[in-house]
Amino acid sequence: MADLQIVQEKDGEFTGPRQALLCGVRVTYYEPNVDKNFEEDLSRFETREDDIFIVTYPKSESIERRYAHFEKSQLCMKPGDEPAVALSSRPSPRLIKSHLPYHVLPMSENETSRGKYIYVARNPKDVAVSYYMFVSRSYGLWSDHVLPWWEHRNDPHILFLKYEDLKKDLRSNVRIISEFLKRPLSEDMITKIAHQCTFDEMKKNTESFIVQNIDAKPLFLRKGQIGDWRNYFSEELSKKFDEKLVSKLEGGGLSFDFGTSVNDDNDD
């Protein structure tokens, strides 16, 4: 297979991160970890009926934190693992987190082996703040990523959630997710899971939520506030953002809570 196409943008004195084009989608290029056979492996990847895909645009919600009953080993691959081999050998049910767009993510044409897809969208202004200077422009425009999943929200194998709804009523959404996955939970278990996923509880287990950026420096949970963007956006920038992205939501029925307060102490 031909070598990956690597791109790196420059804007004045600033140089963006190296990115690889995979299936036409920009992803941050972690040189030791990018599988050059990615596109071929993706085309051959076989889903299972009990697969659970957690899909987001980057920095929209690390929803696997909401599942305390899944072991961390189910969520991560070890350094040096080849994705195709690691996923194929993973026992069922597989929990797979991805940032891939709708048109790229594997989805069997056979409904009986399609699996379940949970997509979580977050208002784009808070995403921009959380994502700032992290992996610039990876995975394309926010609207191009979110809207195709929104258009398929009524498909029986897709559950479309909003980050803001999770923040405001996690308990109800835990119930919605368990029903979607056909894994009923008792009210006591729902309450326990919701409690374990509060910010105070997650702070007691910070090791599970530390990741590394491309410079191998640790990145911790941010505040995860609804409306945190108001601390960073000027009025002019907010208007430009509305013109470029938010306007694309008009007519499609998708809306977001952009927050009126920045005093909530939440997670991510």
C-alpha atoms as a PDB file:
ATOM      1  CA  MET A   1       0.000   0.000   0.000  1.00  0.00           C
ATOM      2  CA  ALA A   2       1.205   3.528  -0.750  1.00  0.00           C
ATOM      3  CA  ASP A   3       2.618   5.591   2.056  1.00  0.00           C
ATOM      4  CA  LEU A   4       0.213   7.750   4.004  1.00  0.00           C
ATOM      5  CA  GLN A   5      -0.200  11.314   2.816  1.00  0.00           C
ATOM      6  CA  ILE A   6       1.047  13.606   5.571  1.00  0.00           C
ATOM      7  CA  VAL A   7      -0.034  17.249   5.770  1.00  0.00           C
ATOM      8  CA  GLN A   8       1.072  20.045   8.079  1.00  0.00           C
ATOM      9  CA  GLU A   9      -0.401  23.524   7.940  1.00  0.00           C
ATOM     10  CA  LYS A  10       1.402  26.768   8.735  1.00  0.00           C
ATOM     11  CA  ASP A  11      -0.145  30.088   9.669  1.00  0.00           C
ATOM     12  CA  GLY A  12       2.476  32.797  10.121  1.00  0.00           C
ATOM     13  CA  GLU A  13       4.753  31.822  12.976  1.00  0.00           C
ATOM     14  CA  PHE A  14       2.494  28.956  14.055  1.00  0.00           C
ATOM     15  CA  THR A  15       2.849  25.435  12.697  1.00  0.00           C
ATOM     16  CA  GLY A  16       0.060  22.923  13.145  1.00  0.00           C
ATOM     17  CA  PRO A  17       0.524  19.259  14.031  1.00  0.00           C
ATOM     18  CA  ARG A  18       1.385  16.650  11.434  1.00  0.00           C
ATOM     19  CA  GLN A  19      -1.741  14.952  10.153  1.00  0.00           C
ATOM     20  CA  ALA A  20      -2.362  11.851   8.081  1.00  0.00           C
ATOM     21  CA  LEU A  21      -5.159  11.519   5.528  1.00  0.00           C
ATOM     22  CA  LEU A  22      -7.049   8.301   6.195  1.00  0.00           C
ATOM     23  CA  CYS A  23     -10.095   7.622   4.022  1.00  0.00           C
ATOM     24  CA  GLY A  24     -10.101  11.337   3.216  1.00  0.00           C
ATOM     25  CA  VAL A  25     -10.274  12.255   6.910  1.00  0.00           C
ATOM     26  CA  ARG A  26      -7.519  14.152   8.696  1.00  0.00           C
ATOM     27  CA  VAL A  27      -6.252  12.495  11.838  1.00  0.00           C
ATOM     28  CA  THR A  28      -3.370  13.517  14.055  1.00  0.00           C
ATOM     29  CA  TYR A  29      -0.274  11.592  13.013  1.00  0.00           C
ATOM     30  CA  TYR A  30       1.207   9.708  15.961  1.00  0.00           C
ATOM     31  CA  GLU A  31       4.094   8.239  13.994  1.00  0.00           C
ATOM     32  CA  PRO A  32       4.635   4.993  15.947  1.00  0.00           C
ATOM     33  CA  ASN A  33       0.914   4.246  16.160  1.00  0.00           C
ATOM     34  CA  VAL A  34      -0.648   5.074  12.789  1.00  0.00           C
ATOM     35  CA  ASP A  35      -1.321   1.865  10.919  1.00  0.00           C
ATOM     36  CA  LYS A  36      -0.381   2.318   7.258  1.00  0.00           C
ATOM     37  CA  ASN A  37      -2.831  -0.443   6.373  1.00  0.00           C
ATOM     38  CA  PHE A  38      -5.661   1.406   8.103  1.00  0.00           C
ATOM     39  CA  GLU A  39      -7.876   1.900   5.047  1.00  0.00           C
ATOM     40  CA  GLU A  40      -7.503  -1.702   3.935  1.00  0.00           C
ATOM     41  CA  ASP A  41      -8.144  -3.018   7.437  1.00  0.00           C
ATOM     42  CA  LEU A  42     -11.170  -0.762   7.783  1.00  0.00           C
ATOM     43  CA  SER A  43     -12.740  -2.108   4.603  1.00  0.00           C
ATOM     44  CA  ARG A  44     -12.338  -5.683   5.862  1.00  0.00           C
ATOM     45  CA  PHE A  45     -13.407  -5.055   9.450  1.00  0.00           C
ATOM     46  CA  GLU A  46     -16.395  -7.179  10.461  1.00  0.00           C
ATOM     47  CA  THR A  47     -18.778  -5.882  13.079  1.00  0.00           C
ATOM     48  CA  ARG A  48     -20.609  -8.138  15.514  1.00  0.00           C
ATOM     49  CA  GLU A  49     -24.204  -7.869  16.631  1.00  0.00           C
ATOM     50  CA  ASP A  50     -23.153  -7.158  20.234  1.00  0.00           C
ATOM     51  CA  ASP A  51     -20.525  -4.515  19.356  1.00  0.00           C
ATOM     52  CA  ILE A  52     -20.997  -1.161  21.055  1.00  0.00           C
ATOM     53  CA  PHE A  53     -19.466   1.824  19.264  1.00  0.00           C
ATOM     54  CA  ILE A  54     -19.036   5.081  21.188  1.00  0.00           C
ATOM     55  CA  VAL A  55     -18.628   7.820  18.581  1.00  0.00           C
ATOM     56  CA  THR A  56     -17.884  11.517  19.067  1.00  0.00           C
ATOM     57  CA  TYR A  57     -16.210  14.450  17.440  1.00  0.00           C
ATOM     58  CA  PRO A  58     -12.982  14.958  19.438  1.00  0.00           C
ATOM     59  CA  LYS A  59     -13.402  16.584  22.865  1.00  0.00           C
ATOM     60  CA  SER A  60     -17.174  16.138  22.773  1.00  0.00           C
ATOM     61  CA  GLU A  61     -17.435  13.604  25.581  1.00  0.00           C
ATOM     62  CA  SER A  62     -15.382  10.701  26.842  1.00  0.00           C
ATOM     63  CA  ILE A  63     -18.498   8.651  27.358  1.00  0.00           C
ATOM     64  CA  GLU A  64     -16.613   5.493  28.301  1.00  0.00           C
ATOM     65  CA  ARG A  65     -16.108   7.195  31.659  1.00  0.00           C
ATOM     66  CA  ARG A  66     -19.864   6.785  32.083  1.00  0.00           C
ATOM     67  CA  TYR A  67     -19.458   3.015  32.090  1.00  0.00           C
ATOM     68  CA  ALA A  68     -17.853   2.020  35.351  1.00  0.00           C
ATOM     69  CA  HIS A  69     -18.924  -1.600  34.743  1.00  0.00           C
ATOM     70  CA  PHE A  70     -16.627  -1.913  31.702  1.00  0.00           C
ATOM     71  CA  GLU A  71     -13.028  -2.784  32.471  1.00  0.00           C
ATOM     72  CA  LYS A  72     -10.407  -0.345  31.235  1.00  0.00           C
ATOM     73  CA  SER A  73      -8.844  -3.168  29.192  1.00  0.00           C
ATOM     74  CA  GLN A  74     -11.969  -3.190  27.035  1.00  0.00           C
ATOM     75  CA  LEU A  75     -11.495   0.451  26.122  1.00  0.00           C
ATOM     76  CA  CYS A  76      -7.812   0.700  25.297  1.00  0.00           C
ATOM     77  CA  MET A  77      -5.193  -0.944  23.122  1.00  0.00           C
ATOM     78  CA  LYS A  78      -1.653  -1.450  24.323  1.00  0.00           C
ATOM     79  CA  PRO A  79       1.218   0.456  22.668  1.00  0.00           C
ATOM     80  CA  GLY A  80       2.339  -1.400  19.573  1.00  0.00           C
ATOM     81  CA  ASP A  81      -0.982  -3.161  19.031  1.00  0.00           C
ATOM     82  CA  GLU A  82      -2.202  -3.355  15.458  1.00  0.00           C
ATOM     83  CA  PRO A  83      -5.817  -2.110  15.567  1.00  0.00           C
ATOM     84  CA  ALA A  84      -7.207  -4.739  13.174  1.00  0.00           C
ATOM     85  CA  VAL A  85      -5.579  -7.612  15.050  1.00  0.00           C
ATOM     86  CA  ALA A  86      -6.362  -6.222  18.495  1.00  0.00           C
ATOM     87  CA  LEU A  87     -10.039  -5.651  17.709  1.00  0.00           C
ATOM     88  CA  SER A  88     -10.523  -8.972  15.929  1.00  0.00           C
ATOM     89  CA  SER A  89      -9.098 -10.890  18.871  1.00  0.00           C
ATOM     90  CA  ARG A  90     -11.050  -8.952  21.480  1.00  0.00           C
ATOM     91  CA  PRO A  91     -13.843 -11.037  23.068  1.00  0.00           C
ATOM     92  CA  SER A  92     -17.472 -10.014  22.810  1.00  0.00           C
ATOM     93  CA  PRO A  93     -19.038  -7.708  23.655  1.00  0.00           C
ATOM     94  CA  ARG A  94     -16.528  -5.235  22.242  1.00  0.00           C
ATOM     95  CA  LEU A  95     -16.713  -1.603  23.317  1.00  0.00           C
ATOM     96  CA  ILE A  96     -15.075   0.495  20.594  1.00  0.00           C
ATOM     97  CA  LYS A  97     -14.524   4.238  20.845  1.00  0.00           C
ATOM     98  CA  SER A  98     -14.056   6.166  17.624  1.00  0.00           C
ATOM     99  CA  HIS A  99     -13.937   9.683  16.197  1.00  0.00           C
ATOM    100  CA  LEU A 100     -14.527   8.476  12.635  1.00  0.00           C
ATOM    101  CA  PRO A 101     -17.307  10.153  10.625  1.00  0.00           C
ATOM    102  CA  TYR A 102     -20.508   8.307   9.738  1.00  0.00           C
ATOM    103  CA  HIS A 103     -19.442   7.553   6.157  1.00  0.00           C
ATOM    104  CA  VAL A 104     -16.139   5.993   7.266  1.00  0.00           C
ATOM    105  CA  LEU A 105     -17.018   3.964  10.356  1.00  0.00           C
ATOM    106  CA  PRO A 106     -17.635   0.249   9.649  1.00  0.00           C
ATOM    107  CA  MET A 107     -21.336  -0.595   9.589  1.00  0.00           C
ATOM    108  CA  SER A 108     -22.546  -3.961   8.337  1.00  0.00           C
ATOM    109  CA  GLU A 109     -25.288  -4.016   5.711  1.00  0.00           C
ATOM    110  CA  ASN A 110     -26.692  -7.014   7.559  1.00  0.00           C
ATOM    111  CA  GLU A 111     -28.817  -5.612  10.397  1.00  0.00           C
ATOM    112  CA  THR A 112     -28.326  -8.724  12.524  1.00  0.00           C
ATOM    113  CA  SER A 113     -24.557  -8.123  12.733  1.00  0.00           C
ATOM    114  CA  ARG A 114     -24.549  -4.341  12.752  1.00  0.00           C
ATOM    115  CA  GLY A 115     -24.006  -3.654  16.437  1.00  0.00           C
ATOM    116  CA  LYS A 116     -25.072  -0.526  18.333  1.00  0.00           C
ATOM    117  CA  TYR A 117     -23.755   3.008  17.805  1.00  0.00           C
ATOM    118  CA  ILE A 118     -23.986   5.705  20.474  1.00  0.00           C
ATOM    119  CA  TYR A 119     -23.148   9.150  19.135  1.00  0.00           C
ATOM    120  CA  VAL A 120     -22.603  12.075  21.517  1.00  0.00           C
ATOM    121  CA  ALA A 121     -22.643  15.638  20.187  1.00  0.00           C
ATOM    122  CA  ARG A 122     -21.609  18.735  22.130  1.00  0.00           C
ATOM    123  CA  ASN A 123     -22.241  22.376  21.321  1.00  0.00           C
ATOM    124  CA  PRO A 124     -19.424  23.485  18.994  1.00  0.00           C
ATOM    125  CA  LYS A 125     -18.299  26.511  20.984  1.00  0.00           C
ATOM    126  CA  ASP A 126     -17.437  24.471  24.068  1.00  0.00           C
ATOM    127  CA  VAL A 127     -15.833  21.854  21.813  1.00  0.00           C
ATOM    128  CA  ALA A 128     -13.633  24.575  20.293  1.00  0.00           C
ATOM    129  CA  VAL A 129     -12.400  25.704  23.719  1.00  0.00           C
ATOM    130  CA  SER A 130     -11.734  22.147  24.876  1.00  0.00           C
ATOM    131  CA  TYR A 131     -10.043  21.270  21.595  1.00  0.00           C
ATOM    132  CA  TYR A 132      -7.984  24.467  21.217  1.00  0.00           C
ATOM    133  CA  MET A 133      -4.373  23.835  20.173  1.00  0.00           C
ATOM    134  CA  PHE A 134      -4.865  20.091  20.691  1.00  0.00           C
ATOM    135  CA  VAL A 135      -5.096  18.518  17.245  1.00  0.00           C
ATOM    136  CA  SER A 136      -6.101  21.356  14.949  1.00  0.00           C
ATOM    137  CA  ARG A 137      -8.707  20.494  12.313  1.00  0.00           C
ATOM    138  CA  SER A 138      -8.447  16.750  12.775  1.00  0.00           C
ATOM    139  CA  TYR A 139     -11.565  14.866  11.700  1.00  0.00           C
ATOM    140  CA  GLY A 140     -12.773  17.802   9.623  1.00  0.00           C
ATOM    141  CA  LEU A 141     -15.388  20.402  10.455  1.00  0.00           C
ATOM    142  CA  TRP A 142     -17.586  19.816  13.480  1.00  0.00           C
ATOM    143  CA  SER A 143     -20.758  20.246  11.401  1.00  0.00           C
ATOM    144  CA  ASP A 144     -19.609  17.757   8.763  1.00  0.00           C
ATOM    145  CA  HIS A 145     -19.040  15.210  11.516  1.00  0.00           C
ATOM    146  CA  VAL A 146     -22.192  15.765  13.588  1.00  0.00           C
ATOM    147  CA  LEU A 147     -24.898  16.322  10.967  1.00  0.00           C
ATOM    148  CA  PRO A 148     -24.657  12.937   9.165  1.00  0.00           C
ATOM    149  CA  TRP A 149     -25.102  11.161  12.502  1.00  0.00           C
ATOM    150  CA  TRP A 150     -28.024  13.455  13.322  1.00  0.00           C
ATOM    151  CA  GLU A 151     -29.651  12.608   9.986  1.00  0.00           C
ATOM    152  CA  HIS A 152     -29.501   8.921  10.953  1.00  0.00           C
ATOM    153  CA  ARG A 153     -30.655   9.438  14.554  1.00  0.00           C
ATOM    154  CA  ASN A 154     -33.833   7.416  13.985  1.00  0.00           C
ATOM    155  CA  ASP A 155     -32.008   4.359  12.664  1.00  0.00           C
ATOM    156  CA  PRO A 156     -32.693   1.480  15.089  1.00  0.00           C
ATOM    157  CA  HIS A 157     -28.984   0.826  15.705  1.00  0.00           C
ATOM    158  CA  ILE A 158     -28.052   4.468  16.439  1.00  0.00           C
ATOM    159  CA  LEU A 159     -28.602   6.465  19.626  1.00  0.00           C
ATOM    160  CA  PHE A 160     -27.873  10.190  19.286  1.00  0.00           C
ATOM    161  CA  LEU A 161     -27.167  11.950  22.589  1.00  0.00           C
ATOM    162  CA  LYS A 162     -26.092  15.449  23.555  1.00  0.00           C
ATOM    163  CA  TYR A 163     -23.292  16.169  25.990  1.00  0.00           C
ATOM    164  CA  GLU A 164     -25.367  18.921  27.581  1.00  0.00           C
ATOM    165  CA  ASP A 165     -28.238  16.517  28.295  1.00  0.00           C
ATOM    166  CA  LEU A 166     -25.813  14.118  29.950  1.00  0.00           C
ATOM    167  CA  LYS A 167     -24.553  16.941  32.133  1.00  0.00           C
ATOM    168  CA  LYS A 168     -28.037  18.029  33.174  1.00  0.00           C
ATOM    169  CA  ASP A 169     -29.594  14.622  33.813  1.00  0.00           C
ATOM    170  CA  LEU A 170     -27.065  11.816  33.765  1.00  0.00           C
ATOM    171  CA  ARG A 171     -29.307   9.362  35.592  1.00  0.00           C
ATOM    172  CA  SER A 172     -32.062   9.496  32.976  1.00  0.00           C
ATOM    173  CA  ASN A 173     -29.532   9.111  30.184  1.00  0.00           C
ATOM    174  CA  VAL A 174     -27.935   6.082  31.830  1.00  0.00           C
ATOM    175  CA  ARG A 175     -31.399   4.520  31.711  1.00  0.00           C
ATOM    176  CA  ILE A 176     -31.858   5.516  28.044  1.00  0.00           C
ATOM    177  CA  ILE A 177     -28.496   3.985  27.130  1.00  0.00           C
ATOM    178  CA  SER A 178     -29.161   0.736  28.995  1.00  0.00           C
ATOM    179  CA  GLU A 179     -32.544   0.373  27.256  1.00  0.00           C
ATOM    180  CA  PHE A 180     -30.981   1.093  23.861  1.00  0.00           C
ATOM    181  CA  LEU A 181     -28.363  -1.601  24.472  1.00  0.00           C
ATOM    182  CA  LYS A 182     -31.083  -3.966  25.749  1.00  0.00           C
ATOM    183  CA  ARG A 183     -29.175  -4.354  28.986  1.00  0.00           C
ATOM    184  CA  PRO A 184     -31.697  -3.441  31.663  1.00  0.00           C
ATOM    185  CA  LEU A 185     -30.341  -2.058  34.915  1.00  0.00           C
ATOM    186  CA  SER A 186     -32.010  -1.837  38.291  1.00  0.00           C
ATOM    187  CA  GLU A 187     -32.798   1.619  39.632  1.00  0.00           C
ATOM    188  CA  ASP A 188     -30.141   1.085  42.293  1.00  0.00           C
ATOM    189  CA  MET A 189     -27.523   0.283  39.635  1.00  0.00           C
ATOM    190  CA  ILE A 190     -28.534   3.313  37.567  1.00  0.00           C
ATOM    191  CA  THR A 191     -28.129   5.504  40.640  1.00  0.00           C
ATOM    192  CA  LYS A 192     -24.750   3.926  41.424  1.00  0.00           C
ATOM    193  CA  ILE A 193     -23.415   4.424  37.890  1.00  0.00           C
ATOM    194  CA  ALA A 194     -24.603   8.033  37.800  1.00  0.00           C
ATOM    195  CA  HIS A 195     -22.929   8.689  41.154  1.00  0.00           C
ATOM    196  CA  GLN A 196     -19.642   7.089  40.080  1.00  0.00           C
ATOM    197  CA  CYS A 197     -19.576   9.357  37.044  1.00  0.00           C
ATOM    198  CA  THR A 198     -19.826  12.624  38.951  1.00  0.00           C
ATOM    199  CA  PHE A 199     -16.798  14.895  38.856  1.00  0.00           C
ATOM    200  CA  ASP A 200     -16.027  14.389  42.555  1.00  0.00           C
ATOM    201  CA  GLU A 201     -15.998  10.613  42.163  1.00  0.00           C
ATOM    202  CA  MET A 202     -13.873  10.699  39.003  1.00  0.00           C
ATOM    203  CA  LYS A 203     -11.315  12.915  40.750  1.00  0.00           C
ATOM    204  CA  LYS A 204     -10.699   9.999  43.108  1.00  0.00           C
ATOM    205  CA  ASN A 205      -9.541   7.914  40.139  1.00  0.00           C
ATOM    206  CA  THR A 206      -7.694  10.442  37.984  1.00  0.00           C
ATOM    207  CA  GLU A 207      -5.310   7.783  36.640  1.00  0.00           C
ATOM    208  CA  SER A 208      -8.111   6.481  34.425  1.00  0.00           C
ATOM    209  CA  PHE A 209      -8.621   9.877  32.812  1.00  0.00           C
ATOM    210  CA  ILE A 210      -5.076  10.994  32.036  1.00  0.00           C
ATOM    211  CA  VAL A 211      -4.050  10.912  28.407  1.00  0.00           C
ATOM    212  CA  GLN A 212      -0.942  12.164  26.632  1.00  0.00           C
ATOM    213  CA  ASN A 213      -0.626  14.705  23.879  1.00  0.00           C
ATOM    214  CA  ILE A 214       1.764  14.409  20.966  1.00  0.00           C
ATOM    215  CA  ASP A 215       4.595  15.763  23.126  1.00  0.00           C
ATOM    216  CA  ALA A 216       4.016  12.993  25.703  1.00  0.00           C
ATOM    217  CA  LYS A 217       2.805  15.573  28.226  1.00  0.00           C
ATOM    218  CA  PRO A 218      -0.163  14.580  30.407  1.00  0.00           C
ATOM    219  CA  LEU A 219      -3.534  16.122  29.664  1.00  0.00           C
ATOM    220  CA  PHE A 220      -6.056  16.015  32.484  1.00  0.00           C
ATOM    221  CA  LEU A 221      -9.807  16.417  32.620  1.00  0.00           C
ATOM    222  CA  ARG A 222     -10.982  19.924  31.931  1.00  0.00           C
ATOM    223  CA  LYS A 223     -13.916  21.600  33.617  1.00  0.00           C
ATOM    224  CA  GLY A 224     -16.507  20.305  31.159  1.00  0.00           C
ATOM    225  CA  GLN A 225     -18.786  23.258  31.789  1.00  0.00           C
ATOM    226  CA  ILE A 226     -21.735  24.100  29.587  1.00  0.00           C
ATOM    227  CA  GLY A 227     -21.006  27.632  28.416  1.00  0.00           C
ATOM    228  CA  ASP A 228     -17.312  27.676  29.317  1.00  0.00           C
ATOM    229  CA  TRP A 229     -16.716  29.145  25.848  1.00  0.00           C
ATOM    230  CA  ARG A 230     -18.028  32.492  27.147  1.00  0.00           C
ATOM    231  CA  ASN A 231     -14.785  32.853  29.108  1.00  0.00           C
ATOM    232  CA  TYR A 232     -12.760  32.768  25.874  1.00  0.00           C
ATOM    233  CA  PHE A 233     -14.897  33.965  22.950  1.00  0.00           C
ATOM    234  CA  SER A 234     -15.209  37.628  22.086  1.00  0.00           C
ATOM    235  CA  GLU A 235     -18.572  38.813  20.761  1.00  0.00           C
ATOM    236  CA  GLU A 236     -17.054  39.096  17.293  1.00  0.00           C
ATOM    237  CA  LEU A 237     -15.638  35.568  17.406  1.00  0.00           C
ATOM    238  CA  SER A 238     -18.968  34.198  18.611  1.00  0.00           C
ATOM    239  CA  LYS A 239     -20.760  35.803  15.651  1.00  0.00           C
ATOM    240  CA  LYS A 240     -18.214  34.415  13.193  1.00  0.00           C
ATOM    241  CA  PHE A 241     -18.626  30.987  14.730  1.00  0.00           C
ATOM    242  CA  ASP A 242     -22.395  31.247  14.335  1.00  0.00           C
ATOM    243  CA  GLU A 243     -22.000  32.181  10.684  1.00  0.00           C
ATOM    244  CA  LYS A 244     -19.553  29.375   9.909  1.00  0.00           C
ATOM    245  CA  LEU A 245     -20.979  26.481  11.922  1.00  0.00           C
ATOM    246  CA  VAL A 246     -24.130  27.114  13.937  1.00  0.00           C
ATOM    247  CA  SER A 247     -26.007  28.411  10.890  1.00  0.00           C
ATOM    248  CA  LYS A 248     -25.608  24.971   9.293  1.00  0.00           C
ATOM    249  CA  LEU A 249     -27.922  23.531  11.946  1.00  0.00           C
ATOM    250  CA  GLU A 250     -30.880  25.633  10.811  1.00  0.00           C
ATOM    251  CA  GLY A 251     -33.683  23.664   9.239  1.00  0.00           C
ATOM    252  CA  GLY A 252     -32.420  20.296  10.432  1.00  0.00           C
ATOM    253  CA  GLY A 253     -34.037  20.352  13.858  1.00  0.00           C
ATOM    254  CA  LEU A 254     -30.751  20.069  15.757  1.00  0.00           C
ATOM    255  CA  SER A 255     -30.138  22.630  18.484  1.00  0.00           C
ATOM    256  CA  PHE A 256     -27.811  22.912  21.465  1.00  0.00           C
ATOM    257  CA  ASP A 257     -27.712  24.466  24.903  1.00  0.00           C
ATOM    258  CA  PHE A 258     -24.872  26.984  24.701  1.00  0.00           C
ATOM    259  CA  GLY A 259     -25.124  27.773  28.403  1.00  0.00           C
ATOM    260  CA  THR A 260     -25.905  30.962  30.258  1.00  0.00           C
ATOM    261  CA  SER A 261     -23.662  30.300  33.239  1.00  0.00           C
ATOM    262  CA  VAL A 262     -20.043  29.224  33.559  1.00  0.00           C
ATOM    263  CA  ASN A 263     -20.168  28.397  37.244  1.00  0.00           C
ATOM    264  CA  ASP A 264     -21.058  24.717  37.003  1.00  0.00           C
ATOM    265  CA  ASP A 265     -18.374  22.347  38.231  1.00  0.00           C
ATOM    266  CA  ASN A 266     -18.521  19.393  35.894  1.00  0.00           C
ATOM    267  CA  ASP A 267     -16.177  16.886  34.345  1.00  0.00           C
ATOM    268  CA  ASP A 268     -14.101  16.723  31.092  1.00  0.00           C
END
